[in-house]
Protein backbone atom coordinates (compact mmCIF):
# COMPACT_ATOMS: atom_id res chain seq x y z
CA MET A 1 -21.26 6.22 11.34
CA PRO A 2 -20.47 5.11 8.11
CA THR A 3 -22.83 2.65 6.69
CA PRO A 4 -21.13 -0.84 6.20
CA LEU A 5 -21.08 -2.12 2.62
CA PRO A 6 -23.90 -4.58 2.28
CA ARG A 7 -23.90 -8.10 3.01
CA ALA A 8 -25.10 -10.86 0.36
CA GLU A 9 -24.94 -14.73 0.31
CA PRO A 10 -21.70 -15.83 -1.74
CA ALA A 11 -23.99 -17.91 -4.05
CA ASP A 12 -25.86 -14.82 -4.82
CA LEU A 13 -22.71 -13.04 -6.00
CA GLY A 14 -21.33 -15.97 -8.16
CA LEU A 15 -19.04 -17.36 -5.39
CA CYS A 16 -19.32 -21.07 -4.28
CA PRO A 17 -20.22 -21.17 -0.63
CA GLU A 18 -18.01 -24.22 0.12
CA ARG A 19 -15.03 -22.68 -1.60
CA THR A 20 -15.62 -19.30 -0.06
CA GLN A 21 -15.43 -21.14 3.15
CA ARG A 22 -12.49 -23.20 2.24
CA LEU A 23 -10.36 -19.89 2.22
CA VAL A 24 -11.40 -19.33 6.08
CA GLN A 25 -10.53 -23.11 6.79
CA THR A 26 -7.29 -22.90 5.15
CA LEU A 27 -6.36 -19.89 7.17
CA GLN A 28 -7.50 -21.27 10.54
CA ALA A 29 -5.41 -24.29 9.54
CA GLU A 30 -2.42 -21.99 9.49
CA VAL A 31 -3.42 -20.11 12.72
CA ASP A 32 -3.60 -23.86 14.35
CA ARG A 33 -0.14 -24.70 13.07
CA GLY A 34 0.86 -21.63 14.78
CA ARG A 35 2.34 -19.94 11.62
CA LEU A 36 -0.27 -17.09 11.56
CA PRO A 37 -1.35 -15.37 14.87
CA GLY A 38 -4.85 -13.99 13.41
CA ALA A 39 -6.32 -12.72 10.39
CA VAL A 40 -9.30 -10.76 9.02
CA VAL A 41 -10.40 -11.65 5.51
CA LEU A 42 -12.97 -9.80 3.27
CA LEU A 43 -14.16 -10.76 -0.20
CA ALA A 44 -16.71 -8.34 -1.98
CA ARG A 45 -18.34 -8.66 -5.52
CA HIS A 46 -20.90 -6.55 -7.41
CA GLY A 47 -20.74 -3.96 -4.53
CA ARG A 48 -21.70 -6.36 -1.82
CA VAL A 49 -19.59 -8.22 0.77
CA ALA A 50 -19.74 -12.20 0.36
CA LEU A 51 -17.31 -12.80 3.12
CA PHE A 52 -16.15 -10.88 6.35
CA GLU A 53 -14.60 -13.24 8.82
CA SER A 54 -11.91 -12.93 11.84
CA LEU A 55 -10.00 -15.89 12.88
CA GLY A 56 -7.29 -16.54 15.45
CA GLN A 57 -5.80 -14.35 17.94
CA ARG A 58 -5.83 -10.20 17.87
CA ASP A 59 -2.67 -10.18 20.28
CA PRO A 60 -0.84 -13.51 20.87
CA ALA A 61 0.62 -12.31 24.03
CA THR A 62 -2.46 -11.84 25.64
CA GLY A 63 -4.46 -14.53 23.84
CA ALA A 64 -7.22 -11.90 22.81
CA THR A 65 -9.45 -13.03 20.00
CA MET A 66 -9.12 -11.15 16.63
CA ALA A 67 -12.17 -9.17 15.80
CA ARG A 68 -13.51 -7.84 12.54
CA ASP A 69 -12.53 -4.51 13.81
CA ALA A 70 -9.20 -4.91 14.53
CA VAL A 71 -6.74 -2.21 13.67
CA PHE A 72 -3.71 -3.01 11.40
CA ARG A 73 -0.43 -1.25 10.65
CA ILE A 74 -1.16 -1.31 6.91
CA TYR A 75 2.33 0.02 5.79
CA SER A 76 2.73 0.28 2.12
CA MET A 77 -1.23 0.06 1.58
CA THR A 78 -0.66 3.59 2.62
CA LYS A 79 0.49 4.30 -0.80
CA PRO A 80 -2.65 3.86 -2.88
CA VAL A 81 -4.40 6.39 -0.31
CA VAL A 82 -1.80 9.14 -0.88
CA SER A 83 -1.88 8.26 -4.54
CA VAL A 84 -5.52 9.11 -4.88
CA ALA A 85 -5.12 12.18 -2.73
CA ALA A 86 -2.36 13.30 -5.18
CA MET A 87 -4.95 12.61 -8.10
CA MET A 88 -7.59 14.60 -6.50
CA LEU A 89 -5.30 17.58 -6.67
CA VAL A 90 -4.47 16.93 -10.14
CA GLU A 91 -7.90 16.85 -11.08
CA GLN A 92 -8.36 20.10 -9.17
CA GLY A 93 -5.58 21.59 -11.47
CA ARG A 94 -3.42 22.22 -8.57
CA LEU A 95 -0.81 19.56 -9.69
CA LEU A 96 0.38 18.26 -12.91
CA LEU A 97 1.80 14.83 -13.48
CA SER A 98 4.42 16.37 -15.52
CA ASP A 99 5.58 18.99 -13.00
CA PRO A 100 9.00 18.39 -11.74
CA VAL A 101 9.36 17.26 -7.97
CA ASN A 102 11.71 20.27 -7.33
CA LYS A 103 8.96 22.84 -8.41
CA TYR A 104 7.30 22.03 -5.02
CA LEU A 105 10.27 20.80 -2.97
CA PRO A 106 13.41 22.82 -3.98
CA GLU A 107 15.72 20.64 -2.12
CA PHE A 108 15.54 18.26 -5.12
CA SER A 109 17.00 20.56 -7.35
CA GLY A 110 20.62 19.75 -8.70
CA GLN A 111 20.47 16.01 -7.68
CA GLN A 112 23.20 13.67 -8.72
CA VAL A 113 23.09 9.88 -9.47
CA ALA A 114 25.45 7.44 -7.75
CA VAL A 115 27.07 5.30 -10.53
CA GLU A 116 29.18 2.19 -9.54
CA THR A 117 32.37 2.24 -11.84
CA PRO A 118 35.41 -0.07 -11.70
CA ASP A 119 37.12 2.96 -9.94
CA GLY A 120 34.30 3.31 -7.20
CA LEU A 121 31.26 5.27 -6.89
CA GLN A 122 31.05 8.26 -9.20
CA LEU A 123 28.34 10.95 -9.21
CA GLN A 124 26.61 11.88 -12.37
CA THR A 125 24.26 14.83 -13.21
CA VAL A 126 20.75 14.02 -13.58
CA ALA A 127 19.63 13.74 -17.28
CA GLN A 128 16.09 14.96 -16.44
CA PRO A 129 14.57 15.73 -13.23
CA ALA A 130 11.90 13.47 -11.47
CA THR A 131 8.22 14.47 -11.96
CA VAL A 132 5.07 13.90 -9.81
CA GLN A 133 4.24 10.82 -12.13
CA ASP A 134 7.73 9.42 -11.65
CA LEU A 135 7.04 9.71 -7.67
CA LEU A 136 3.42 7.79 -8.25
CA ARG A 137 4.88 5.06 -10.43
CA HIS A 138 8.34 4.56 -8.61
CA THR A 139 10.65 5.67 -11.55
CA ALA A 140 12.14 8.78 -9.47
CA GLY A 141 15.39 7.17 -9.17
CA LEU A 142 14.99 6.55 -5.31
CA THR A 143 15.23 3.24 -3.47
CA TYR A 144 14.40 1.71 0.03
CA GLU A 145 17.47 1.30 2.56
CA PHE A 146 16.02 -2.28 3.53
CA LEU A 147 16.09 -3.49 -0.19
CA GLY A 148 19.67 -4.25 -0.49
CA THR A 149 23.18 -3.15 0.35
CA ALA A 150 23.97 -1.03 -2.73
CA PRO A 151 26.27 2.03 -1.88
CA VAL A 152 23.04 4.39 -1.80
CA GLN A 153 20.79 2.09 0.14
CA GLN A 154 23.88 2.14 2.63
CA LEU A 155 23.56 5.92 2.64
CA TYR A 156 19.81 5.87 3.34
CA ALA A 157 20.33 3.66 6.07
CA GLN A 158 23.15 5.57 7.84
CA ALA A 159 21.11 8.82 7.41
CA GLN A 160 18.28 6.93 9.17
CA VAL A 161 15.86 8.26 6.32
CA GLY A 162 12.98 6.15 7.59
CA SER A 163 13.04 7.61 11.28
CA ARG A 164 9.62 8.52 12.35
CA GLU A 165 11.22 11.20 14.86
CA ARG A 166 11.61 13.88 11.80
CA SER A 167 8.86 15.69 10.29
CA ASN A 168 7.79 15.03 6.59
CA ALA A 169 9.70 18.46 5.87
CA GLU A 170 12.91 17.22 7.54
CA PHE A 171 12.78 13.83 6.08
CA SER A 172 12.46 15.38 2.50
CA ARG A 173 15.35 17.33 3.07
CA THR A 174 17.44 14.63 4.34
CA LEU A 175 16.65 12.33 1.41
CA ALA A 176 17.26 15.24 -1.08
CA ALA A 177 20.82 15.46 0.29
CA LEU A 178 21.57 12.10 -0.74
CA PRO A 179 22.59 10.85 -4.14
CA LEU A 180 20.00 9.12 -6.20
CA PHE A 181 19.97 5.23 -6.86
CA ARG A 182 19.10 5.38 -10.64
CA GLN A 183 18.54 8.11 -13.20
CA PRO A 184 14.95 9.39 -13.05
CA GLY A 185 12.42 7.84 -15.30
CA THR A 186 14.79 4.86 -16.59
CA GLU A 187 13.89 1.90 -14.05
CA TRP A 188 11.10 0.83 -11.86
CA ALA A 189 12.42 0.68 -8.58
CA TYR A 190 10.17 0.39 -5.32
CA SER A 191 11.36 3.36 -3.08
CA ARG A 192 10.60 6.12 -0.61
CA ALA A 193 8.82 7.99 -3.61
CA THR A 194 5.57 7.95 -1.91
CA ASP A 195 6.95 9.54 1.21
CA VAL A 196 8.29 12.23 -0.95
CA LEU A 197 4.70 12.67 -2.74
CA GLY A 198 3.24 13.01 1.05
CA ARG A 199 5.50 15.83 1.58
CA LEU A 200 4.64 17.35 -1.69
CA LEU A 201 1.07 17.02 -0.88
CA GLU A 202 1.74 19.12 2.38
CA VAL A 203 3.33 22.11 0.56
CA VAL A 204 0.50 22.16 -2.03
CA THR A 205 -2.26 21.97 0.40
CA GLY A 206 -0.68 23.90 3.29
CA GLN A 207 -1.89 21.01 5.72
CA THR A 208 -0.01 17.98 7.52
CA LEU A 209 -0.54 14.77 5.31
CA GLY A 210 -2.80 13.63 8.09
CA GLN A 211 -5.16 16.54 8.06
CA HIS A 212 -5.31 16.44 4.38
CA LEU A 213 -6.14 12.75 3.97
CA ARG A 214 -8.66 12.88 6.84
CA GLU A 215 -10.32 15.94 4.98
CA CYS A 216 -10.19 14.81 1.45
CA ILE A 217 -10.77 10.94 1.99
CA PHE A 218 -11.22 9.44 5.32
CA GLU A 219 -14.34 11.66 6.56
CA PRO A 220 -16.09 11.60 3.03
CA LEU A 221 -15.88 7.78 2.84
CA GLY A 222 -16.36 7.18 6.31
CA MET A 223 -12.84 5.58 6.99
CA LEU A 224 -13.25 6.70 10.91
CA ASP A 225 -10.50 4.13 12.04
CA THR A 226 -7.75 5.16 9.55
CA ALA A 227 -4.94 7.60 10.77
CA PHE A 228 -1.30 7.91 11.38
CA VAL A 229 -1.89 6.91 15.05
CA VAL A 230 -4.70 4.86 16.95
CA PRO A 231 -6.32 6.95 19.53
CA GLU A 232 -5.96 5.52 23.21
CA ALA A 233 -9.46 4.52 23.64
CA ASP A 234 -8.86 2.02 20.59
CA HIS A 235 -5.64 0.63 21.80
CA GLY A 236 -7.38 -2.54 22.83
CA ARG A 237 -8.20 -3.20 19.08
CA ILE A 238 -4.65 -3.01 17.78
CA ALA A 239 -3.74 -6.47 15.99
CA GLU A 240 -0.34 -7.78 16.99
CA PRO A 241 2.07 -10.06 15.62
CA PHE A 242 4.15 -13.04 17.34
CA ALA A 243 6.70 -11.69 19.58
CA HIS A 244 9.20 -14.07 17.47
CA ASP A 245 9.13 -15.24 13.83
CA PRO A 246 7.28 -18.63 13.86
CA ASP A 247 9.73 -19.88 11.39
CA GLY A 248 13.26 -18.43 12.20
CA GLY A 249 12.51 -17.61 15.69
CA VAL A 250 13.81 -13.79 15.32
CA PRO A 251 12.29 -11.08 17.24
CA LEU A 252 9.87 -9.14 15.06
CA ARG A 253 9.69 -5.65 15.20
CA VAL A 254 6.70 -3.54 13.99
CA LEU A 255 6.01 0.13 14.33
CA ASP A 256 4.26 1.61 17.40
CA PRO A 257 0.55 2.66 16.36
CA ARG A 258 0.02 4.30 19.93
CA LYS A 259 2.51 7.10 19.71
CA ALA A 260 1.86 9.88 17.28
CA PRO A 261 5.01 9.99 14.91
CA ALA A 262 6.65 13.08 13.69
CA MET A 263 6.86 11.69 10.27
CA GLU A 264 3.50 10.87 8.76
CA SER A 265 4.72 8.45 6.21
CA GLY A 266 2.80 8.60 2.86
CA GLY A 267 4.49 5.39 1.90
CA GLY A 268 3.92 3.22 4.95
CA GLY A 269 2.43 4.99 8.04
CA LEU A 270 -1.32 4.39 8.28
CA MET A 271 -3.36 2.32 10.56
CA SER A 272 -6.79 0.80 9.46
CA THR A 273 -9.35 -1.65 9.68
CA THR A 274 -10.54 -4.10 7.20
CA ALA A 275 -14.13 -2.28 6.86
CA ASP A 276 -12.29 1.09 6.42
CA TYR A 277 -9.98 -0.11 3.55
CA ALA A 278 -13.06 -2.01 1.98
CA ARG A 279 -14.88 1.16 1.62
CA PHE A 280 -11.84 2.78 0.00
CA LEU A 281 -11.53 -0.04 -2.62
CA GLN A 282 -15.27 0.04 -3.25
CA CYS A 283 -14.70 3.60 -4.07
CA LEU A 284 -12.18 2.92 -6.67
CA LEU A 285 -14.31 -0.07 -8.09
CA ASP A 286 -17.19 2.10 -8.56
CA GLY A 287 -15.09 4.61 -10.43
CA GLY A 288 -14.22 7.08 -7.74
CA GLU A 289 -17.54 7.34 -6.00
CA LEU A 290 -19.03 5.67 -2.80
CA ASP A 291 -22.47 6.66 -1.39
CA GLY A 292 -22.57 10.08 -2.84
CA ALA A 293 -19.06 11.25 -2.04
CA ARG A 294 -16.79 11.34 -5.19
CA LEU A 295 -13.17 11.63 -4.83
CA LEU A 296 -12.21 11.10 -8.46
CA GLY A 297 -13.80 10.88 -11.76
CA PRO A 298 -14.14 7.23 -13.45
CA ARG A 299 -11.59 8.20 -16.35
CA THR A 300 -8.94 9.31 -13.64
CA VAL A 301 -9.43 6.01 -11.84
CA GLU A 302 -9.17 4.11 -15.11
CA PHE A 303 -5.88 6.09 -15.98
CA MET A 304 -4.41 5.62 -12.50
CA THR A 305 -4.99 1.84 -12.79
CA ALA A 306 -3.32 1.49 -16.22
CA ASP A 307 0.15 0.64 -16.61
CA HIS A 308 2.34 3.77 -16.66
CA LEU A 309 5.74 1.77 -17.08
CA GLY A 310 5.57 0.77 -20.85
CA SER A 311 9.13 -0.22 -21.76
CA ILE A 312 10.65 1.24 -18.61
CA PRO A 313 12.62 -2.01 -17.09
CA SER A 314 12.04 -3.34 -13.62
CA HIS A 315 14.68 -5.51 -12.06
CA ASP A 316 12.89 -5.74 -8.75
CA ALA A 317 11.05 -9.27 -7.63
CA LEU A 318 8.41 -7.07 -6.12
CA LEU A 319 6.59 -6.50 -9.26
CA PRO A 320 5.48 -9.74 -10.58
CA PRO A 321 5.86 -11.09 -14.15
CA GLY A 322 3.01 -9.86 -16.22
CA HIS A 323 2.80 -6.79 -14.41
CA GLY A 324 3.23 -3.23 -14.84
CA PHE A 325 2.70 -0.41 -12.31
CA GLY A 326 0.28 2.38 -12.51
CA LEU A 327 -0.24 5.41 -10.15
CA GLY A 328 0.05 3.72 -6.79
CA PHE A 329 -0.62 0.21 -7.72
CA ALA A 330 0.86 -3.04 -9.51
CA VAL A 331 -1.22 -3.71 -12.44
CA ARG A 332 -1.79 -7.03 -14.39
CA THR A 333 -1.08 -6.77 -18.11
CA ALA A 334 -0.95 -10.70 -19.00
CA THR A 335 -3.43 -13.11 -17.64
CA GLY A 336 -0.63 -15.56 -17.24
CA LEU A 337 2.79 -15.60 -16.29
CA ALA A 338 2.50 -14.45 -12.48
CA THR A 339 2.11 -17.33 -10.05
CA MET A 340 -1.02 -15.57 -8.78
CA PRO A 341 -4.61 -15.54 -10.67
CA GLY A 342 -6.29 -12.38 -11.73
CA SER A 343 -7.60 -10.78 -14.73
CA VAL A 344 -5.92 -8.44 -16.92
CA GLY A 345 -6.31 -4.95 -15.45
CA THR A 346 -6.39 -6.27 -11.64
CA TYR A 347 -4.39 -3.81 -9.50
CA HIS A 348 -3.18 -4.95 -6.05
CA TRP A 349 -0.75 -4.02 -3.43
CA GLY A 350 0.32 -5.05 0.25
CA GLY A 351 2.03 -4.05 3.49
CA ILE A 352 5.24 -5.41 4.68
CA ALA A 353 3.55 -6.51 7.80
CA GLY A 354 1.28 -8.84 6.01
CA THR A 355 -1.74 -6.99 4.69
CA THR A 356 -2.81 -7.37 1.05
CA PHE A 357 -5.58 -6.42 -1.31
CA PHE A 358 -6.60 -6.89 -5.02
CA VAL A 359 -9.22 -5.24 -7.08
CA ASP A 360 -10.45 -6.91 -10.37
CA PRO A 361 -12.64 -4.59 -12.42
CA ALA A 362 -13.38 -7.30 -14.94
CA GLU A 363 -14.98 -9.52 -12.37
CA ASP A 364 -16.20 -6.64 -10.32
CA PHE A 365 -14.41 -8.36 -7.47
CA PHE A 366 -12.19 -7.25 -4.66
CA GLY A 367 -10.46 -9.05 -1.60
CA ILE A 368 -8.66 -7.87 1.57
CA LEU A 369 -6.60 -10.03 3.99
CA MET A 370 -5.21 -8.45 6.94
CA THR A 371 -2.79 -9.94 9.24
CA GLN A 372 0.28 -9.19 11.21
CA ALA A 373 2.79 -11.68 9.96
CA PRO A 374 5.70 -10.16 8.42
CA ASN A 375 8.04 -12.76 7.36
CA GLN A 376 4.90 -14.97 6.10
CA ARG A 377 3.44 -12.36 3.90
CA ASP A 378 4.31 -13.63 0.61
CA HIS A 379 3.21 -17.03 1.17
CA TYR A 380 -0.33 -15.79 2.45
CA ARG A 381 -0.75 -13.28 -0.45
CA LEU A 382 -0.40 -16.14 -2.97
CA LEU A 383 -2.61 -18.41 -0.95
CA PHE A 384 -5.34 -15.83 -0.42
CA ARG A 385 -5.45 -14.56 -3.94
CA THR A 386 -5.44 -18.24 -5.08
CA LEU A 387 -8.38 -19.33 -3.08
CA ALA A 388 -10.30 -16.09 -3.80
CA TYR A 389 -10.35 -16.72 -7.46
CA ALA A 390 -11.03 -20.33 -6.81
CA ALA A 391 -14.44 -19.47 -5.29
CA LEU A 392 -15.63 -17.65 -8.38
CA VAL A 393 -17.99 -19.86 -10.29
CA ASP A 394 -20.35 -17.88 -12.30
């Protein structure tokens, strides 16, 4: 069994005990109001855990109490994990960031870009093919079907590119047959790029994505509860959302973690626990090594968590002001501008069902909030981050 991250009193880590507890009390008040089914929250600093609490219900339908070992659908918090796996191959010399995607996935050769003109949709040739770096930083010209109704997004939806019934290989071929949303390398657009990266890793390693992640990350770090499917013995630990959105009343749909999918989505398919993901983040914060298991060199972690966009524009509200994007994470480039606090160099991301994390190397500090509240996620991400930083007093 993995060794849990060591615990310490908040005051010993530079966190005010009362302010730390206020975070829990505020979330509990949201549970009491009926806006949040339940949550698990963790704050760690200087390699030790200052706060690790569960509150509310794990399953509102049964009234089961939330536990700290609850298993969550982490959706896009899968992306940093797959990005680390890709950079491990880069460190091994098996992959270069400058490699064109079509070197490994020939179906992406000869792609065209859909351009809206006064005369309708026109297809233009690709000026420069997407690279592995473009996949990691979401500049590969791809998109997500649920982020809008542009013609390419409609084509994605019609093709059901997100179907969990296709293998990763079938997904890649289906996506590659569709026109690009943007010219590669010209714009940050959140997308299915990490799903493509997951398939690319399969080609390079000769393993399924799930097998490869288990061998290169989960087993070395002791992340024993992280996978693309939850085994039957652990079905009683799965956290569930409300059946209906507490604000709008619409039914909530989330993926079923009990059934193994054909598509192991590198962009959003993993299930995990708070303790497992904390080990992953502590490894990154410690420069790529945890308890003697080294995934990456420290310079590679610094490289991944630097801004890789530079002057490349983003017209997407998912990337906050004062932020760029690294290789798998949003990266803070300015202390101000954004509505959430954090040091320059802080990196973060979240999942569409409500999970979120941040890592602040300047403060040697990270936090995780796990909940299954899809439509309330933006509110709780900001609330969580604000109260976490309010607790820092040294």
